[in-house]
Each structure stands twice: as C-alpha cells, then as structure tokens.
N, C-alpha and C. Protein backbone atom coordinates (compact mmCIF):
# COMPACT_ATOMS: atom_id res chain seq x y z
N GLN A 1 70.92 84.98 -13.41
CA GLN A 1 69.92 84.79 -12.22
C GLN A 1 69.49 86.03 -11.26
N VAL A 2 68.29 85.97 -11.00
CA VAL A 2 67.86 86.99 -9.95
C VAL A 2 67.11 86.25 -8.71
N GLN A 3 67.75 86.39 -7.35
CA GLN A 3 67.32 85.84 -6.29
C GLN A 3 66.52 86.75 -5.21
N LEU A 4 65.49 86.61 -5.00
CA LEU A 4 64.60 87.35 -4.20
C LEU A 4 64.28 87.03 -2.67
N VAL A 5 64.33 87.67 -1.78
CA VAL A 5 64.02 87.43 -0.25
C VAL A 5 63.22 88.45 0.17
N GLU A 6 62.17 88.00 0.89
CA GLU A 6 60.78 88.44 1.36
C GLU A 6 61.14 88.84 2.86
N SER A 7 60.50 89.65 3.01
CA SER A 7 60.24 89.95 4.54
C SER A 7 58.93 90.72 5.10
N GLY A 8 58.13 90.68 6.32
CA GLY A 8 57.13 91.28 6.61
C GLY A 8 56.07 90.13 6.26
N GLY A 9 54.98 90.43 6.78
CA GLY A 9 53.86 89.58 6.49
C GLY A 9 53.54 89.56 8.01
N GLY A 10 52.46 88.39 8.20
CA GLY A 10 51.92 88.49 9.54
C GLY A 10 50.56 88.08 9.37
N LEU A 11 49.90 88.44 10.74
CA LEU A 11 48.66 88.50 11.06
C LEU A 11 48.17 89.65 11.65
N VAL A 12 46.92 90.21 11.24
CA VAL A 12 46.56 91.76 11.48
C VAL A 12 44.92 91.57 11.15
N GLN A 13 44.35 92.43 12.22
CA GLN A 13 42.83 92.63 12.26
C GLN A 13 42.59 93.00 11.05
N ALA A 14 41.24 92.82 10.51
CA ALA A 14 40.36 93.87 9.53
C ALA A 14 40.71 95.29 9.44
N GLY A 15 41.32 95.84 8.56
CA GLY A 15 41.36 97.16 8.81
C GLY A 15 42.59 97.57 9.13
N GLY A 16 43.62 96.59 9.56
CA GLY A 16 45.04 97.19 9.71
C GLY A 16 45.96 97.53 8.47
N SER A 17 47.18 97.42 8.66
CA SER A 17 47.87 97.54 7.97
C SER A 17 49.52 96.44 8.09
N LEU A 18 49.99 96.12 6.88
CA LEU A 18 51.05 95.52 7.18
C LEU A 18 52.00 95.93 5.98
N SER A 19 53.19 95.50 5.96
CA SER A 19 54.57 96.03 5.06
C SER A 19 55.33 94.89 4.77
N LEU A 20 55.42 94.81 3.16
CA LEU A 20 56.20 93.50 3.08
C LEU A 20 57.38 94.43 2.01
N SER A 21 58.64 93.59 2.19
CA SER A 21 59.90 93.93 1.54
C SER A 21 60.52 92.74 0.54
N CYS A 22 61.02 92.91 -0.18
CA CYS A 22 61.46 92.17 -1.36
C CYS A 22 62.78 92.70 -1.64
N ALA A 23 63.98 92.01 -1.18
CA ALA A 23 65.15 92.24 -1.38
C ALA A 23 65.95 91.31 -2.85
N ALA A 24 66.42 92.06 -3.91
CA ALA A 24 66.77 91.41 -5.08
C ALA A 24 68.40 91.16 -4.82
N SER A 25 68.81 90.27 -5.29
CA SER A 25 70.25 89.96 -5.77
C SER A 25 70.59 89.02 -6.58
N GLY A 26 71.85 89.22 -7.03
CA GLY A 26 72.35 88.55 -8.27
C GLY A 26 72.48 89.36 -9.43
N ASN A 27 71.63 89.02 -10.52
CA ASN A 27 71.62 90.02 -11.93
C ASN A 27 70.74 91.08 -12.20
N ILE A 28 70.98 92.25 -10.76
CA ILE A 28 69.73 92.81 -10.86
C ILE A 28 69.75 94.08 -11.87
N PHE A 29 70.90 94.48 -12.35
CA PHE A 29 70.50 95.19 -13.61
C PHE A 29 69.98 94.50 -14.90
N SER A 30 69.54 93.53 -14.75
CA SER A 30 68.64 92.81 -15.93
C SER A 30 67.34 93.05 -15.46
N ILE A 31 67.14 93.05 -14.53
CA ILE A 31 65.30 93.47 -13.73
C ILE A 31 64.67 94.47 -14.74
N ASN A 32 63.66 93.91 -15.32
CA ASN A 32 62.90 94.84 -15.85
C ASN A 32 61.56 95.40 -15.23
N ALA A 33 61.00 94.57 -14.42
CA ALA A 33 59.91 94.78 -13.53
C ALA A 33 59.75 94.21 -12.41
N MET A 34 59.69 94.66 -10.98
CA MET A 34 59.09 93.70 -9.74
C MET A 34 57.94 94.04 -9.56
N GLY A 35 57.24 92.83 -8.61
CA GLY A 35 56.05 93.02 -8.37
C GLY A 35 55.91 91.99 -7.03
N TRP A 36 54.69 92.07 -6.61
CA TRP A 36 54.07 91.08 -6.07
C TRP A 36 52.54 90.63 -6.55
N TYR A 37 52.65 89.30 -5.96
CA TYR A 37 51.68 88.21 -6.49
C TYR A 37 51.41 87.68 -5.16
N ARG A 38 49.81 87.05 -5.39
CA ARG A 38 49.06 86.22 -3.91
C ARG A 38 48.50 85.22 -4.47
N GLN A 39 48.78 83.80 -3.56
CA GLN A 39 47.94 82.91 -3.79
C GLN A 39 47.35 82.48 -2.48
N ALA A 40 45.85 82.55 -2.57
CA ALA A 40 45.06 82.05 -1.23
C ALA A 40 44.50 80.72 -1.58
N PRO A 41 44.27 80.23 -0.63
CA PRO A 41 44.05 78.39 -0.47
C PRO A 41 42.89 78.08 -1.62
N GLY A 42 43.57 77.22 -2.36
CA GLY A 42 42.40 76.76 -3.29
C GLY A 42 42.14 77.60 -4.62
N ALA A 43 43.22 78.55 -4.57
CA ALA A 43 42.84 79.51 -5.76
C ALA A 43 44.23 79.72 -6.74
N GLN A 44 44.28 80.05 -7.68
CA GLN A 44 45.10 80.61 -8.47
C GLN A 44 46.06 81.67 -7.93
N ARG A 45 47.31 81.87 -8.42
CA ARG A 45 48.06 82.92 -8.24
C ARG A 45 47.67 84.12 -9.07
N GLU A 46 47.47 85.22 -8.39
CA GLU A 46 47.08 86.35 -8.76
C GLU A 46 47.86 87.74 -8.65
N LEU A 47 48.06 88.47 -9.74
CA LEU A 47 48.92 89.46 -9.33
C LEU A 47 48.25 90.74 -8.77
N VAL A 48 49.19 91.35 -7.95
CA VAL A 48 48.44 92.26 -6.82
C VAL A 48 49.00 93.70 -7.50
N ALA A 49 50.27 93.79 -7.53
CA ALA A 49 50.79 95.23 -8.05
C ALA A 49 52.31 94.73 -8.83
N THR A 50 52.33 95.67 -9.66
CA THR A 50 53.92 95.44 -10.26
C THR A 50 54.37 97.22 -10.47
N ILE A 51 55.62 97.29 -10.24
CA ILE A 51 56.58 98.41 -10.61
C ILE A 51 57.48 98.26 -11.75
N THR A 52 57.62 99.04 -12.67
CA THR A 52 58.67 99.00 -13.73
C THR A 52 59.87 99.63 -13.16
N ASN A 53 60.82 99.79 -14.20
CA ASN A 53 62.24 100.53 -13.55
C ASN A 53 61.89 101.82 -13.90
N SER A 54 61.11 102.08 -14.68
CA SER A 54 60.81 103.61 -14.45
C SER A 54 59.80 104.02 -13.45
N GLY A 55 59.07 103.29 -12.76
CA GLY A 55 58.42 103.44 -11.79
C GLY A 55 57.03 103.47 -11.95
N SER A 56 56.49 103.07 -13.02
CA SER A 56 54.93 102.93 -13.53
C SER A 56 54.85 101.55 -12.60
N THR A 57 53.73 101.92 -11.96
CA THR A 57 52.63 100.74 -11.21
C THR A 57 51.37 100.52 -12.18
N ASN A 58 51.11 99.13 -11.38
CA ASN A 58 49.84 98.55 -11.82
C ASN A 58 49.37 97.61 -10.85
N TYR A 59 47.82 97.85 -10.60
CA TYR A 59 47.31 97.03 -9.46
C TYR A 59 46.31 96.61 -10.02
N VAL A 60 45.98 95.20 -9.06
CA VAL A 60 44.72 94.39 -9.69
C VAL A 60 43.54 95.84 -8.86
N ASP A 61 42.14 95.62 -9.37
CA ASP A 61 41.34 96.41 -9.07
C ASP A 61 41.21 96.46 -7.41
N SER A 62 41.15 95.20 -6.89
CA SER A 62 40.52 94.96 -5.52
C SER A 62 41.19 95.46 -4.57
N VAL A 63 42.67 95.93 -5.07
CA VAL A 63 43.53 96.84 -3.96
C VAL A 63 43.88 98.10 -4.24
N LYS A 64 43.21 98.31 -5.41
CA LYS A 64 43.65 99.86 -5.75
C LYS A 64 43.05 101.04 -4.80
N GLY A 65 43.82 101.77 -4.08
CA GLY A 65 43.15 102.91 -3.38
C GLY A 65 43.64 102.08 -1.54
N ARG A 66 44.17 100.80 -1.92
CA ARG A 66 44.78 100.49 -0.42
C ARG A 66 46.14 99.97 -0.08
N PHE A 67 46.57 99.76 -1.34
CA PHE A 67 47.91 99.06 -1.26
C PHE A 67 48.76 99.98 -2.41
N THR A 68 50.00 100.07 -1.87
CA THR A 68 50.99 100.87 -2.62
C THR A 68 52.26 99.87 -3.07
N VAL A 69 52.53 99.86 -4.03
CA VAL A 69 53.95 99.13 -4.32
C VAL A 69 55.26 100.57 -4.63
N SER A 70 56.47 100.30 -4.27
CA SER A 70 57.22 101.19 -4.16
C SER A 70 58.61 100.38 -4.46
N ARG A 71 59.77 101.03 -4.92
CA ARG A 71 60.90 100.74 -5.00
C ARG A 71 62.01 101.53 -4.37
N ASP A 72 63.43 101.11 -4.35
CA ASP A 72 64.25 101.63 -3.80
C ASP A 72 65.48 100.90 -4.26
N ASN A 73 65.84 102.15 -5.49
CA ASN A 73 66.76 101.23 -6.51
C ASN A 73 68.05 101.11 -6.14
N ALA A 74 68.13 101.70 -4.92
CA ALA A 74 69.55 101.86 -4.28
C ALA A 74 69.94 100.71 -3.66
N LYS A 75 68.48 100.65 -2.86
CA LYS A 75 68.98 99.08 -2.37
C LYS A 75 68.31 97.90 -2.92
N ASN A 76 67.95 97.96 -4.36
CA ASN A 76 67.13 96.91 -4.82
C ASN A 76 66.09 96.19 -3.99
N THR A 77 65.42 96.76 -3.65
CA THR A 77 64.50 96.44 -2.88
C THR A 77 62.89 97.09 -3.48
N VAL A 78 61.96 96.04 -3.58
CA VAL A 78 60.61 96.53 -3.59
C VAL A 78 59.69 96.35 -2.19
N TYR A 79 58.63 97.25 -2.02
CA TYR A 79 58.03 97.27 -0.93
C TYR A 79 56.44 97.03 -1.56
N LEU A 80 55.82 96.58 -0.32
CA LEU A 80 54.24 96.53 -0.68
C LEU A 80 53.73 97.45 0.90
N GLN A 81 53.06 98.14 0.61
CA GLN A 81 52.56 98.67 1.90
C GLN A 81 50.74 98.36 1.58
N MET A 82 50.51 97.92 2.62
CA MET A 82 48.64 97.41 2.70
C MET A 82 48.25 98.04 3.59
N ASN A 83 47.19 98.91 3.35
CA ASN A 83 46.45 99.32 4.18
C ASN A 83 45.02 98.76 4.08
N SER A 84 43.92 98.94 4.86
CA SER A 84 42.82 98.81 5.35
C SER A 84 42.49 97.57 4.87
N LEU A 85 43.02 96.41 5.42
CA LEU A 85 43.51 95.46 5.09
C LEU A 85 41.95 94.33 5.16
N LYS A 86 41.40 93.53 4.21
CA LYS A 86 40.36 92.55 4.73
C LYS A 86 40.37 91.49 4.62
N PRO A 87 39.67 90.65 5.09
CA PRO A 87 39.85 89.10 5.42
C PRO A 87 40.28 88.39 4.08
N GLU A 88 39.77 88.87 2.87
CA GLU A 88 40.03 88.37 1.58
C GLU A 88 41.39 88.36 0.84
N ASP A 89 42.36 89.58 1.87
CA ASP A 89 43.42 89.86 1.32
C ASP A 89 44.51 88.53 2.04
N THR A 90 43.71 87.91 2.74
CA THR A 90 44.40 86.36 3.15
C THR A 90 45.24 85.85 2.01
N ALA A 91 46.57 85.75 1.88
CA ALA A 91 47.04 84.65 1.21
C ALA A 91 48.41 84.81 1.37
N VAL A 92 49.01 83.41 0.69
CA VAL A 92 50.65 83.89 0.64
C VAL A 92 50.99 84.76 -0.61
N TYR A 93 51.70 85.71 0.12
CA TYR A 93 52.60 86.91 -1.20
C TYR A 93 53.83 86.55 -1.48
N TYR A 94 54.35 86.92 -2.92
CA TYR A 94 54.98 86.38 -3.56
C TYR A 94 55.64 87.17 -4.10
N CYS A 95 56.74 87.78 -3.98
CA CYS A 95 57.42 88.79 -4.60
C CYS A 95 58.31 87.90 -5.61
N ASN A 96 58.09 88.96 -7.20
CA ASN A 96 58.59 88.73 -8.46
C ASN A 96 59.31 89.39 -8.88
N ALA A 97 60.19 89.21 -9.63
CA ALA A 97 61.38 89.97 -10.81
C ALA A 97 61.21 89.33 -11.99
N ASP A 98 61.00 90.40 -12.94
CA ASP A 98 60.90 90.02 -14.36
C ASP A 98 62.14 90.51 -15.04
N TRP A 99 63.20 89.55 -15.77
CA TRP A 99 64.59 89.75 -15.76
C TRP A 99 64.97 89.52 -17.31
N GLY A 100 65.81 90.00 -17.87
CA GLY A 100 66.56 89.46 -18.84
C GLY A 100 65.73 89.80 -20.04
N PRO A 101 66.35 89.77 -21.38
CA PRO A 101 65.56 89.95 -22.48
C PRO A 101 64.46 88.96 -23.03
N TYR A 102 64.49 88.16 -22.33
CA TYR A 102 63.40 87.00 -22.62
C TYR A 102 62.27 87.22 -21.34
N SER A 103 62.31 88.12 -20.53
CA SER A 103 61.44 88.28 -19.58
C SER A 103 61.39 86.97 -18.49
N ILE A 104 62.38 86.44 -18.06
CA ILE A 104 62.24 85.44 -17.08
C ILE A 104 61.69 85.95 -16.03
N ASP A 105 61.04 84.79 -15.18
CA ASP A 105 60.49 85.13 -13.91
C ASP A 105 61.24 84.51 -12.54
N SER A 106 61.71 85.24 -11.73
CA SER A 106 62.24 84.83 -10.49
C SER A 106 61.30 84.99 -9.47
N TRP A 107 61.18 84.06 -8.36
CA TRP A 107 59.96 84.40 -7.39
C TRP A 107 60.86 84.30 -5.85
N GLY A 108 60.18 84.94 -4.78
CA GLY A 108 60.71 84.66 -3.66
C GLY A 108 59.83 83.40 -2.97
N GLN A 109 60.39 83.12 -1.77
CA GLN A 109 59.68 82.26 -1.13
C GLN A 109 58.38 82.08 -0.65
N GLY A 110 57.65 83.34 -0.86
CA GLY A 110 56.72 83.43 -0.19
C GLY A 110 56.37 83.87 1.26
N THR A 111 55.68 84.81 1.71
CA THR A 111 55.39 85.32 2.76
C THR A 111 53.98 85.63 3.49
N GLN A 112 53.47 84.96 4.61
CA GLN A 112 51.82 84.73 5.01
C GLN A 112 51.48 85.85 5.09
N VAL A 113 50.13 86.07 4.82
CA VAL A 113 49.75 87.47 5.34
C VAL A 113 48.16 86.88 5.68
N THR A 114 47.75 87.12 7.04
CA THR A 114 46.40 86.46 7.37
C THR A 114 45.86 87.69 8.13
N VAL A 115 44.62 88.13 7.83
CA VAL A 115 43.69 89.29 8.21
C VAL A 115 42.55 88.41 8.86
N SER A 116 42.36 88.74 10.12
CA SER A 116 41.18 87.98 10.74
C SER A 116 40.12 89.11 10.77
N SER A 117 38.85 88.50 10.90
CA SER A 117 37.76 89.38 11.01
C SER A 117 37.40 90.10 12.14
C-alpha cells in the first residue's frame, strides 16, 4: 500500500501562485509514477501533471508553461508549482501514485484550490 498526504492549496487571485505538496509513505519503492489530478464541480477528474521515477513529465495542455511538477525522491514528496493561475484552475486537486507491477492507483485526500477573478 502507498499512502499520500497533501498540503498546500487555498485561495488566490487570478495571476497569482500556489504550491502543492504530496508526501508518500508505505511501499514507496513500488511507486512507478506520481502526479496531480483535479476535479472541478460538475466535471470529471482530469490529469494535470505526472512525473515518473526517471523524471519524465507530462502536462495537460491547459497548464503547460504555467505549472511545474517535481519530486524529491529523498523526501518521497511530489510538488506542483502553479503560476499565473486562472479562475478555470479552480478545483479540488488530488495527488496520485501509480505503484506496483499492476499499476495500482493510490489517491490523496484532495485539497481545494480556488482562484478568484
């Protein structure tokens, strides 16, 4: 099992910045990749950014150039730096870990990000 605990988030004005952190514990050596998803009210959960063990990253088009995902393997923590935030970035953000040989998903509890116009 892999457990994830998120921190960060909050309320910010459009154009501002926020940073999210996600600390992993448990069977951390089985983690294949980590990332961030978000879910806005009435919408499906969507991928925001992922990062593999080798450091390869992937972003949804809407956040490219504004968000940066990174990880500190020594701290078993993944980060999401969000700059130039827009009201449409408002959502609950979830940390995700893909782990084990069968790519099991673990999720954090979610953290609210609200961007006011």
